Amino acid sequence: MSIHLIRDLDHLHRSVLTMCGRVEEMIHAAVDALHKPDYERAMEIIRWDDDVDRMDVEIEEECLKLLALHQPVAIDLRRITTVLKIGAELERVADLGVSIAERACGIVRSPEITVPDDMKDMSAQALDMLHRSIDAYVHLDIRTAREVCLQDEAIDKLNREIIEELTELMKRRPDLVEPAMHLFSASRQIERIADHATNIAEDVIYLVQGEIVRHRNRAESGTASRPAGTAP
């Protein structure tokens, strides 16, 4: 590997880590705004999305430049293509953060409705999945990546339970349909954050092992036969 490619890959790595940090901060703030409704805070989060969009474009341009200039192969090629995919996943997560912040604005005016405890638990788990998937990328940690894949089913289960709970609430209290729908939407968006975290974890598995586990059963993704850290 040439010294120029090493330098450019290092710069790309730092760029995606900056984007990771910004998106994590954004999602934490959006979830906090949902559980402790704060209109001004929610509007601030929505404005952050422009920064993430800019980072996404810059990272994509950087990846395309590396592919054109260096024509990388093997692990270097996988790293660049993985960063392209992770950048896209993070941009979508940021969009979900904006949607959650908008839902938070929607329930600010409805103090009668409270966020279900299960949603707080689901939020914490989804945020943990996002953090651990990013950590798996930073440390090329296959074990953590596979564990993240296995967590997704628990989030799906909590989402179904929350939707059932909110549906029952709307039947009992028609006056709370509008704020309950905001929570309904927020629950779906939090569940999708977990999906994107799982996608990032699957990208890490591809990066390290060259193994494409996307679209497999999640349990299969988490228990594939190669030991952690094994090269292809």
C-alpha atoms as a PDB file:
ATOM      1  CA  MET A   1       0.000   0.000   0.000  1.00  0.00           C
ATOM      2  CA  SER A   2       1.399   3.420  -0.970  1.00  0.00           C
ATOM      3  CA  ILE A   3       2.041   6.082   1.626  1.00  0.00           C
ATOM      4  CA  HIS A   4      -0.462   8.335  -0.183  1.00  0.00           C
ATOM      5  CA  LEU A   5      -3.222   5.743   0.112  1.00  0.00           C
ATOM      6  CA  ILE A   6      -2.424   5.227   3.802  1.00  0.00           C
ATOM      7  CA  ARG A   7      -2.669   8.977   4.366  1.00  0.00           C
ATOM      8  CA  ASP A   8      -5.916   9.305   2.435  1.00  0.00           C
ATOM      9  CA  LEU A   9      -7.513   6.318   4.186  1.00  0.00           C
ATOM     10  CA  ASP A  10      -6.556   7.790   7.551  1.00  0.00           C
ATOM     11  CA  HIS A  11      -8.200  11.084   6.607  1.00  0.00           C
ATOM     12  CA  LEU A  12     -11.313   9.219   5.432  1.00  0.00           C
ATOM     13  CA  HIS A  13     -11.435   7.327   8.726  1.00  0.00           C
ATOM     14  CA  ARG A  14     -11.273  10.573  10.704  1.00  0.00           C
ATOM     15  CA  SER A  15     -14.024  12.082   8.549  1.00  0.00           C
ATOM     16  CA  VAL A  16     -16.435   9.214   9.148  1.00  0.00           C
ATOM     17  CA  LEU A  17     -15.672   9.249  12.886  1.00  0.00           C
ATOM     18  CA  THR A  18     -16.576  12.940  12.993  1.00  0.00           C
ATOM     19  CA  MET A  19     -19.861  12.144  11.281  1.00  0.00           C
ATOM     20  CA  CYS A  20     -20.474   9.246  13.695  1.00  0.00           C
ATOM     21  CA  GLY A  21     -19.985  11.534  16.673  1.00  0.00           C
ATOM     22  CA  ARG A  22     -22.322  14.172  15.285  1.00  0.00           C
ATOM     23  CA  VAL A  23     -25.076  11.678  14.494  1.00  0.00           C
ATOM     24  CA  GLU A  24     -24.819  10.017  17.909  1.00  0.00           C
ATOM     25  CA  GLU A  25     -25.066  13.419  19.593  1.00  0.00           C
ATOM     26  CA  MET A  26     -28.059  14.301  17.432  1.00  0.00           C
ATOM     27  CA  ILE A  27     -29.954  11.079  18.206  1.00  0.00           C
ATOM     28  CA  HIS A  28     -29.297  11.316  21.942  1.00  0.00           C
ATOM     29  CA  ALA A  29     -30.603  14.899  21.927  1.00  0.00           C
ATOM     30  CA  ALA A  30     -33.673  13.940  19.852  1.00  0.00           C
ATOM     31  CA  VAL A  31     -34.586  11.104  22.214  1.00  0.00           C
ATOM     32  CA  ASP A  32     -34.074  13.382  25.226  1.00  0.00           C
ATOM     33  CA  ALA A  33     -36.352  15.985  23.607  1.00  0.00           C
ATOM     34  CA  LEU A  34     -38.989  13.293  23.137  1.00  0.00           C
ATOM     35  CA  HIS A  35     -38.902  12.100  26.748  1.00  0.00           C
ATOM     36  CA  LYS A  36     -38.590  15.636  28.163  1.00  0.00           C
ATOM     37  CA  PRO A  37     -40.460  17.755  25.603  1.00  0.00           C
ATOM     38  CA  ASP A  38     -38.512  20.928  24.794  1.00  0.00           C
ATOM     39  CA  TYR A  39     -39.578  22.846  21.683  1.00  0.00           C
ATOM     40  CA  GLU A  40     -36.437  24.986  21.370  1.00  0.00           C
ATOM     41  CA  ARG A  41     -34.151  22.002  21.796  1.00  0.00           C
ATOM     42  CA  ALA A  42     -36.103  20.038  19.208  1.00  0.00           C
ATOM     43  CA  MET A  43     -35.835  22.866  16.664  1.00  0.00           C
ATOM     44  CA  GLU A  44     -32.069  23.065  17.267  1.00  0.00           C
ATOM     45  CA  ILE A  45     -31.734  19.328  16.522  1.00  0.00           C
ATOM     46  CA  ILE A  46     -33.602  19.763  13.237  1.00  0.00           C
ATOM     47  CA  ARG A  47     -31.068  22.396  12.155  1.00  0.00           C
ATOM     48  CA  TRP A  48     -28.169  20.007  12.827  1.00  0.00           C
ATOM     49  CA  ASP A  49     -29.291  17.839   9.915  1.00  0.00           C
ATOM     50  CA  ASP A  50     -27.684  20.234   7.414  1.00  0.00           C
ATOM     51  CA  ASP A  51     -24.263  19.520   8.962  1.00  0.00           C
ATOM     52  CA  VAL A  52     -24.768  15.771   8.639  1.00  0.00           C
ATOM     53  CA  ASP A  53     -25.923  16.085   5.024  1.00  0.00           C
ATOM     54  CA  ARG A  54     -22.785  18.086   4.230  1.00  0.00           C
ATOM     55  CA  MET A  55     -20.550  15.466   5.874  1.00  0.00           C
ATOM     56  CA  ASP A  56     -22.298  12.694   3.955  1.00  0.00           C
ATOM     57  CA  VAL A  57     -21.618  14.397   0.608  1.00  0.00           C
ATOM     58  CA  GLU A  58     -17.987  15.139   1.519  1.00  0.00           C
ATOM     59  CA  ILE A  59     -17.350  11.526   2.566  1.00  0.00           C
ATOM     60  CA  GLU A  60     -18.927  10.164  -0.616  1.00  0.00           C
ATOM     61  CA  GLU A  61     -16.813  12.499  -2.747  1.00  0.00           C
ATOM     62  CA  GLU A  62     -13.707  11.469  -0.804  1.00  0.00           C
ATOM     63  CA  CYS A  63     -14.473   7.768  -1.326  1.00  0.00           C
ATOM     64  CA  LEU A  64     -15.013   8.216  -5.056  1.00  0.00           C
ATOM     65  CA  LYS A  65     -11.745  10.150  -5.313  1.00  0.00           C
ATOM     66  CA  LEU A  66      -9.847   7.346  -3.551  1.00  0.00           C
ATOM     67  CA  LEU A  67     -11.360   4.727  -5.846  1.00  0.00           C
ATOM     68  CA  ALA A  68     -10.384   6.714  -8.939  1.00  0.00           C
ATOM     69  CA  LEU A  69      -6.869   7.689  -7.836  1.00  0.00           C
ATOM     70  CA  HIS A  70      -5.641   4.553  -6.090  1.00  0.00           C
ATOM     71  CA  GLN A  71      -7.702   1.699  -7.588  1.00  0.00           C
ATOM     72  CA  PRO A  72      -7.522  -0.175  -4.257  1.00  0.00           C
ATOM     73  CA  VAL A  73      -8.012  -3.934  -3.892  1.00  0.00           C
ATOM     74  CA  ALA A  74      -8.829  -6.435  -1.108  1.00  0.00           C
ATOM     75  CA  ILE A  75      -9.164  -4.922   2.388  1.00  0.00           C
ATOM     76  CA  ASP A  76      -8.539  -1.351   1.167  1.00  0.00           C
ATOM     77  CA  LEU A  77     -11.344  -1.627  -1.375  1.00  0.00           C
ATOM     78  CA  ARG A  78     -13.640  -3.107   1.259  1.00  0.00           C
ATOM     79  CA  ARG A  79     -12.808  -0.288   3.661  1.00  0.00           C
ATOM     80  CA  ILE A  80     -13.730   2.399   1.159  1.00  0.00           C
ATOM     81  CA  THR A  81     -16.963   0.718   0.077  1.00  0.00           C
ATOM     82  CA  THR A  82     -17.856   0.101   3.729  1.00  0.00           C
ATOM     83  CA  VAL A  83     -17.350   3.779   4.576  1.00  0.00           C
ATOM     84  CA  LEU A  84     -19.630   4.679   1.648  1.00  0.00           C
ATOM     85  CA  LYS A  85     -22.351   2.440   3.064  1.00  0.00           C
ATOM     86  CA  ILE A  86     -21.862   3.537   6.672  1.00  0.00           C
ATOM     87  CA  GLY A  87     -22.057   7.190   5.633  1.00  0.00           C
ATOM     88  CA  ALA A  88     -25.391   6.527   3.943  1.00  0.00           C
ATOM     89  CA  GLU A  89     -26.703   4.693   7.024  1.00  0.00           C
ATOM     90  CA  LEU A  90     -25.654   7.545   9.317  1.00  0.00           C
ATOM     91  CA  GLU A  91     -27.327  10.126   7.081  1.00  0.00           C
ATOM     92  CA  ARG A  92     -30.572   8.158   7.302  1.00  0.00           C
ATOM     93  CA  VAL A  93     -30.210   7.892  11.079  1.00  0.00           C
ATOM     94  CA  ALA A  94     -29.831  11.679  11.239  1.00  0.00           C
ATOM     95  CA  ASP A  95     -33.046  12.033   9.208  1.00  0.00           C
ATOM     96  CA  LEU A  96     -34.764   9.830  11.774  1.00  0.00           C
ATOM     97  CA  GLY A  97     -33.399  12.102  14.500  1.00  0.00           C
ATOM     98  CA  VAL A  98     -35.072  15.040  12.763  1.00  0.00           C
ATOM     99  CA  SER A  99     -38.359  13.113  12.598  1.00  0.00           C
ATOM    100  CA  ILE A 100     -38.152  12.229  16.300  1.00  0.00           C
ATOM    101  CA  ALA A 101     -37.484  15.881  17.143  1.00  0.00           C
ATOM    102  CA  GLU A 102     -40.532  16.864  15.067  1.00  0.00           C
ATOM    103  CA  ARG A 103     -42.623  14.312  16.957  1.00  0.00           C
ATOM    104  CA  ALA A 104     -41.318  15.837  20.200  1.00  0.00           C
ATOM    105  CA  CYS A 105     -42.605  19.236  19.012  1.00  0.00           C
ATOM    106  CA  GLY A 106     -45.952  17.598  18.368  1.00  0.00           C
ATOM    107  CA  ILE A 107     -46.428  16.376  21.940  1.00  0.00           C
ATOM    108  CA  VAL A 108     -45.147  19.521  23.683  1.00  0.00           C
ATOM    109  CA  ARG A 109     -48.689  20.903  23.659  1.00  0.00           C
ATOM    110  CA  SER A 110     -50.175  17.712  25.165  1.00  0.00           C
ATOM    111  CA  PRO A 111     -48.994  17.415  28.768  1.00  0.00           C
ATOM    112  CA  GLU A 112     -51.652  14.753  29.450  1.00  0.00           C
ATOM    113  CA  ILE A 113     -49.800  12.153  27.422  1.00  0.00           C
ATOM    114  CA  THR A 114     -46.617  10.548  28.693  1.00  0.00           C
ATOM    115  CA  VAL A 115     -43.980   8.517  26.885  1.00  0.00           C
ATOM    116  CA  PRO A 116     -44.515   4.805  27.646  1.00  0.00           C
ATOM    117  CA  ASP A 117     -41.848   3.228  29.832  1.00  0.00           C
ATOM    118  CA  ASP A 118     -41.269   0.613  27.136  1.00  0.00           C
ATOM    119  CA  MET A 119     -40.380   3.404  24.700  1.00  0.00           C
ATOM    120  CA  LYS A 120     -37.762   4.705  27.118  1.00  0.00           C
ATOM    121  CA  ASP A 121     -36.309   1.204  27.320  1.00  0.00           C
ATOM    122  CA  MET A 122     -36.418   0.797  23.532  1.00  0.00           C
ATOM    123  CA  SER A 123     -34.746   4.188  23.044  1.00  0.00           C
ATOM    124  CA  ALA A 124     -31.926   3.222  25.402  1.00  0.00           C
ATOM    125  CA  GLN A 125     -31.400  -0.102  23.606  1.00  0.00           C
ATOM    126  CA  ALA A 126     -31.475   1.460  20.134  1.00  0.00           C
ATOM    127  CA  LEU A 127     -28.962   4.135  21.187  1.00  0.00           C
ATOM    128  CA  ASP A 128     -26.761   1.411  22.659  1.00  0.00           C
ATOM    129  CA  MET A 129     -26.940  -0.524  19.385  1.00  0.00           C
ATOM    130  CA  LEU A 130     -25.958   2.567  17.401  1.00  0.00           C
ATOM    131  CA  HIS A 131     -23.026   3.293  19.707  1.00  0.00           C
ATOM    132  CA  ARG A 132     -21.811  -0.305  19.686  1.00  0.00           C
ATOM    133  CA  SER A 133     -22.086  -0.631  15.914  1.00  0.00           C
ATOM    134  CA  ILE A 134     -19.916   2.473  15.529  1.00  0.00           C
ATOM    135  CA  ASP A 135     -17.530   1.126  18.158  1.00  0.00           C
ATOM    136  CA  ALA A 136     -17.340  -2.146  16.218  1.00  0.00           C
ATOM    137  CA  TYR A 137     -16.310  -0.178  13.128  1.00  0.00           C
ATOM    138  CA  VAL A 138     -13.667   1.821  15.002  1.00  0.00           C
ATOM    139  CA  HIS A 139     -12.092  -1.284  16.557  1.00  0.00           C
ATOM    140  CA  LEU A 140     -12.918  -3.718  13.715  1.00  0.00           C
ATOM    141  CA  ASP A 141     -14.636  -5.787  16.404  1.00  0.00           C
ATOM    142  CA  ILE A 142     -16.530  -8.685  14.852  1.00  0.00           C
ATOM    143  CA  ARG A 143     -17.823 -10.007  18.166  1.00  0.00           C
ATOM    144  CA  THR A 144     -19.520  -6.707  18.997  1.00  0.00           C
ATOM    145  CA  ALA A 145     -20.887  -6.415  15.451  1.00  0.00           C
ATOM    146  CA  ARG A 146     -22.519  -9.843  15.693  1.00  0.00           C
ATOM    147  CA  GLU A 147     -23.956  -9.008  19.127  1.00  0.00           C
ATOM    148  CA  VAL A 148     -25.566  -5.887  17.664  1.00  0.00           C
ATOM    149  CA  CYS A 149     -27.208  -8.003  14.954  1.00  0.00           C
ATOM    150  CA  LEU A 150     -28.708 -10.233  17.634  1.00  0.00           C
ATOM    151  CA  GLN A 151     -30.194  -7.254  19.533  1.00  0.00           C
ATOM    152  CA  ASP A 152     -32.464  -6.190  16.705  1.00  0.00           C
ATOM    153  CA  GLU A 153     -35.232  -8.701  17.386  1.00  0.00           C
ATOM    154  CA  ALA A 154     -35.682  -7.398  20.957  1.00  0.00           C
ATOM    155  CA  ILE A 155     -36.196  -3.876  19.588  1.00  0.00           C
ATOM    156  CA  ASP A 156     -38.762  -5.149  17.082  1.00  0.00           C
ATOM    157  CA  LYS A 157     -40.661  -6.860  19.912  1.00  0.00           C
ATOM    158  CA  LEU A 158     -40.713  -3.705  22.036  1.00  0.00           C
ATOM    159  CA  ASN A 159     -41.933  -1.668  19.055  1.00  0.00           C
ATOM    160  CA  ARG A 160     -44.862  -4.053  18.535  1.00  0.00           C
ATOM    161  CA  GLU A 161     -45.786  -3.857  22.215  1.00  0.00           C
ATOM    162  CA  ILE A 162     -45.630  -0.043  22.227  1.00  0.00           C
ATOM    163  CA  ILE A 163     -47.815   0.199  19.117  1.00  0.00           C
ATOM    164  CA  GLU A 164     -50.390  -2.093  20.729  1.00  0.00           C
ATOM    165  CA  GLU A 165     -50.323   0.032  23.900  1.00  0.00           C
ATOM    166  CA  LEU A 166     -50.786   3.275  21.972  1.00  0.00           C
ATOM    167  CA  THR A 167     -53.572   1.759  19.871  1.00  0.00           C
ATOM    168  CA  GLU A 168     -55.453   0.844  23.041  1.00  0.00           C
ATOM    169  CA  LEU A 169     -54.883   4.346  24.433  1.00  0.00           C
ATOM    170  CA  MET A 170     -56.380   5.938  21.298  1.00  0.00           C
ATOM    171  CA  LYS A 171     -59.437   3.702  21.603  1.00  0.00           C
ATOM    172  CA  ARG A 172     -59.968   4.752  25.220  1.00  0.00           C
ATOM    173  CA  ARG A 173     -59.094   8.420  24.763  1.00  0.00           C
ATOM    174  CA  PRO A 174     -60.066   9.783  21.335  1.00  0.00           C
ATOM    175  CA  ASP A 175     -58.996  13.250  22.551  1.00  0.00           C
ATOM    176  CA  LEU A 176     -55.398  11.976  22.697  1.00  0.00           C
ATOM    177  CA  VAL A 177     -55.277  10.515  19.194  1.00  0.00           C
ATOM    178  CA  GLU A 178     -53.068  13.277  17.758  1.00  0.00           C
ATOM    179  CA  PRO A 179     -50.268  13.173  20.396  1.00  0.00           C
ATOM    180  CA  ALA A 180     -50.512   9.369  20.535  1.00  0.00           C
ATOM    181  CA  MET A 181     -49.915   9.274  16.775  1.00  0.00           C
ATOM    182  CA  HIS A 182     -46.761  11.343  17.299  1.00  0.00           C
ATOM    183  CA  LEU A 183     -45.553   8.719  19.794  1.00  0.00           C
ATOM    184  CA  PHE A 184     -46.627   5.946  17.415  1.00  0.00           C
ATOM    185  CA  SER A 185     -44.459   7.493  14.704  1.00  0.00           C
ATOM    186  CA  ALA A 186     -41.553   8.073  17.098  1.00  0.00           C
ATOM    187  CA  SER A 187     -41.610   4.412  18.113  1.00  0.00           C
ATOM    188  CA  ARG A 188     -41.347   3.330  14.479  1.00  0.00           C
ATOM    189  CA  GLN A 189     -38.468   5.734  13.931  1.00  0.00           C
ATOM    190  CA  ILE A 190     -36.558   4.488  16.984  1.00  0.00           C
ATOM    191  CA  GLU A 191     -37.042   0.936  15.707  1.00  0.00           C
ATOM    192  CA  ARG A 192     -35.584   2.017  12.361  1.00  0.00           C
ATOM    193  CA  ILE A 193     -32.514   3.459  14.121  1.00  0.00           C
ATOM    194  CA  ALA A 194     -31.893  -0.047  15.453  1.00  0.00           C
ATOM    195  CA  ASP A 195     -32.248  -1.391  11.896  1.00  0.00           C
ATOM    196  CA  HIS A 196     -29.609   1.051  10.637  1.00  0.00           C
ATOM    197  CA  ALA A 197     -27.315   0.149  13.543  1.00  0.00           C
ATOM    198  CA  THR A 198     -27.692  -3.489  12.510  1.00  0.00           C
ATOM    199  CA  ASN A 199     -26.836  -2.570   8.922  1.00  0.00           C
ATOM    200  CA  ILE A 200     -23.661  -0.824  10.124  1.00  0.00           C
ATOM    201  CA  ALA A 201     -22.730  -3.901  12.168  1.00  0.00           C
ATOM    202  CA  GLU A 202     -23.234  -6.075   9.078  1.00  0.00           C
ATOM    203  CA  ASP A 203     -21.001  -3.686   7.119  1.00  0.00           C
ATOM    204  CA  VAL A 204     -18.289  -4.179   9.755  1.00  0.00           C
ATOM    205  CA  ILE A 205     -18.505  -7.943   9.291  1.00  0.00           C
ATOM    206  CA  TYR A 206     -18.066  -7.438   5.553  1.00  0.00           C
ATOM    207  CA  LEU A 207     -15.125  -5.076   6.093  1.00  0.00           C
ATOM    208  CA  VAL A 208     -13.166  -7.440   8.301  1.00  0.00           C
ATOM    209  CA  GLN A 209     -14.118 -10.811   6.846  1.00  0.00           C
ATOM    210  CA  GLY A 210     -15.353 -10.093   3.340  1.00  0.00           C
ATOM    211  CA  GLU A 211     -18.566 -11.888   4.305  1.00  0.00           C
ATOM    212  CA  ILE A 212     -21.879 -10.418   3.137  1.00  0.00           C
ATOM    213  CA  VAL A 213     -24.475 -11.194   5.824  1.00  0.00           C
ATOM    214  CA  ARG A 214     -27.068  -8.640   4.702  1.00  0.00           C
ATOM    215  CA  HIS A 215     -30.600 -10.101   4.235  1.00  0.00           C
ATOM    216  CA  ARG A 216     -29.784 -13.178   6.256  1.00  0.00           C
ATOM    217  CA  ASN A 217     -31.767 -14.147   9.301  1.00  0.00           C
ATOM    218  CA  ARG A 218     -30.486 -11.944  12.167  1.00  0.00           C
ATOM    219  CA  ALA A 219     -29.730 -14.942  14.365  1.00  0.00           C
ATOM    220  CA  GLU A 220     -27.690 -16.457  11.553  1.00  0.00           C
ATOM    221  CA  SER A 221     -25.811 -13.153  11.132  1.00  0.00           C
ATOM    222  CA  GLY A 222     -24.902 -13.181  14.787  1.00  0.00           C
ATOM    223  CA  THR A 223     -23.693 -16.756  14.919  1.00  0.00           C
ATOM    224  CA  ALA A 224     -21.838 -17.209  11.649  1.00  0.00           C
ATOM    225  CA  SER A 225     -19.108 -19.773  11.785  1.00  0.00           C
ATOM    226  CA  ARG A 226     -15.936 -17.698  11.502  1.00  0.00           C
ATOM    227  CA  PRO A 227     -14.380 -16.776  14.843  1.00  0.00           C
ATOM    228  CA  ALA A 228     -14.101 -13.118  15.825  1.00  0.00           C
ATOM    229  CA  GLY A 229     -11.337 -11.228  14.089  1.00  0.00           C
ATOM    230  CA  THR A 230     -10.589 -13.977  11.547  1.00  0.00           C
ATOM    231  CA  ALA A 231      -9.471 -12.678   8.171  1.00  0.00           C
ATOM    232  CA  PRO A 232     -11.054 -14.046   4.982  1.00  0.00           C
END
